[in-house]
Amino acid sequence: MEPHIEIGALLRKWRENSGLTQEEVGNMIGKSKSVVSQYETGRLKITFDTVQKYCGALGISVRELFFDEQPIFPGEVKGEVTERILRKVMNLSDEDKIRLVGYIDALGGGE
């Protein structure tokens, strides 16, 4: 199998598990829904720069794309409210994620 087809399949898996549509990812990375579809099916070769942008839209690193076997995403969590929360958290900056952990700890929801 060609590398761009395998990368496309991984991107599709992560996108679907994140609860995002091809159109939403396309808007985040500056590509059309059609182009995102072509990346995911391997009909269009994807550049490394675009892989980085795509991963950023999904809230993951390129390393996670290839090596993380057990992602925790909204598609794997039951409950519509939880899915909405996780989708929003994935788009926060690192600074805001740290702040959010503080809020959750203050509410008694920490580990």
Protein backbone atom coordinates (compact mmCIF):
# COMPACT_ATOMS: atom_id res chain seq x y z
CA MET A 1 0.00 0.00 0.00
CA GLU A 2 1.23 3.49 -0.86
CA PRO A 3 2.30 5.65 2.13
CA HIS A 4 -0.14 8.47 1.28
CA ILE A 5 -3.04 5.99 1.33
CA GLU A 6 -2.02 4.69 4.76
CA ILE A 7 -1.62 8.24 6.09
CA GLY A 8 -5.05 9.12 4.71
CA ALA A 9 -6.64 6.16 6.47
CA LEU A 10 -5.03 7.19 9.76
CA LEU A 11 -6.21 10.77 9.36
CA ARG A 12 -9.74 9.57 8.63
CA LYS A 13 -9.75 7.29 11.71
CA TRP A 14 -8.58 10.09 13.99
CA ARG A 15 -10.99 12.60 12.46
CA GLU A 16 -13.98 10.29 12.81
CA ASN A 17 -13.03 9.45 16.39
CA SER A 18 -12.73 13.16 17.17
CA GLY A 19 -16.29 13.79 16.02
CA LEU A 20 -15.26 16.32 13.36
CA THR A 21 -16.58 16.36 9.81
CA GLN A 22 -14.41 16.63 6.72
CA GLU A 23 -15.81 20.11 6.20
CA GLU A 24 -14.85 21.20 9.74
CA VAL A 25 -11.29 19.90 9.32
CA GLY A 26 -11.10 21.50 5.88
CA ASN A 27 -12.08 24.87 7.34
CA MET A 28 -9.40 24.50 10.02
CA ILE A 29 -6.62 23.67 7.57
CA GLY A 30 -7.71 25.90 4.68
CA LYS A 31 -8.82 23.11 2.33
CA SER A 32 -12.18 22.13 0.88
CA LYS A 33 -14.22 19.15 2.06
CA SER A 34 -13.46 17.51 -1.30
CA VAL A 35 -9.70 17.86 -0.83
CA VAL A 36 -9.91 16.46 2.72
CA SER A 37 -11.86 13.49 1.34
CA GLN A 38 -9.21 12.92 -1.31
CA TYR A 39 -6.45 13.01 1.33
CA GLU A 40 -8.30 10.47 3.47
CA THR A 41 -8.89 8.07 0.59
CA GLY A 42 -5.38 8.42 -0.80
CA ARG A 43 -6.54 9.86 -4.12
CA LEU A 44 -4.49 12.99 -3.41
CA LYS A 45 -1.00 12.95 -1.93
CA ILE A 46 -0.67 15.01 1.23
CA THR A 47 2.36 17.12 2.13
CA PHE A 48 4.02 16.89 5.52
CA ASP A 49 3.05 20.52 6.17
CA THR A 50 -0.60 19.63 5.59
CA VAL A 51 -0.29 16.53 7.81
CA GLN A 52 0.96 18.84 10.59
CA LYS A 53 -1.98 21.22 10.07
CA TYR A 54 -4.42 18.31 9.97
CA CYS A 55 -3.02 16.91 13.22
CA GLY A 56 -3.26 20.37 14.78
CA ALA A 57 -6.93 20.53 13.81
CA LEU A 58 -7.45 17.13 15.48
CA GLY A 59 -5.56 18.21 18.60
CA ILE A 60 -2.87 15.55 18.21
CA SER A 61 0.81 15.48 17.35
CA VAL A 62 2.19 13.84 14.22
CA ARG A 63 3.79 11.26 16.54
CA GLU A 64 0.37 10.40 17.98
CA LEU A 65 -1.04 10.02 14.47
CA PHE A 66 1.38 7.19 13.75
CA PHE A 67 2.11 5.62 17.13
CA ASP A 68 -0.79 6.11 19.54
CA GLU A 69 -2.75 2.87 19.59
CA GLN A 70 -5.36 3.87 22.18
CA PRO A 71 -6.65 7.39 21.49
CA ILE A 72 -9.33 8.72 23.79
CA PHE A 73 -11.77 10.65 21.66
CA PRO A 74 -15.42 11.64 21.84
CA GLY A 75 -16.42 8.83 19.48
CA GLU A 76 -15.25 6.36 22.11
CA VAL A 77 -17.04 8.07 24.99
CA LYS A 78 -20.75 7.65 25.64
CA GLY A 79 -22.85 10.72 26.12
CA GLU A 80 -23.54 13.69 23.92
CA VAL A 81 -22.50 16.27 26.54
CA THR A 82 -19.16 14.56 27.10
CA GLU A 83 -18.54 14.46 23.36
CA ARG A 84 -19.25 18.19 23.04
CA ILE A 85 -16.94 19.00 25.94
CA LEU A 86 -14.06 16.91 24.59
CA ARG A 87 -14.42 18.38 21.10
CA LYS A 88 -14.12 21.88 22.53
CA VAL A 89 -11.20 21.00 24.82
CA MET A 90 -9.21 19.60 21.87
CA ASN A 91 -9.27 23.05 20.24
CA LEU A 92 -8.01 24.95 23.30
CA SER A 93 -4.49 26.34 23.52
CA ASP A 94 -2.10 24.54 25.88
CA GLU A 95 -2.35 27.48 28.29
CA ASP A 96 -6.14 27.27 28.34
CA LYS A 97 -6.00 23.48 28.83
CA ILE A 98 -3.83 23.98 31.93
CA ARG A 99 -6.27 26.60 33.21
CA LEU A 100 -9.17 24.21 32.58
CA VAL A 101 -7.50 21.44 34.59
CA GLY A 102 -7.28 23.90 37.49
CA TYR A 103 -11.01 24.63 37.21
CA ILE A 104 -11.87 20.94 37.10
CA ASP A 105 -9.67 20.25 40.14
CA ALA A 106 -11.42 23.10 41.99
CA LEU A 107 -14.78 21.49 41.20
CA GLY A 108 -13.58 18.23 42.70
CA GLY A 109 -13.34 16.44 39.37
CA GLY A 110 -9.59 15.87 39.41
CA GLU A 111 -7.80 12.55 39.77
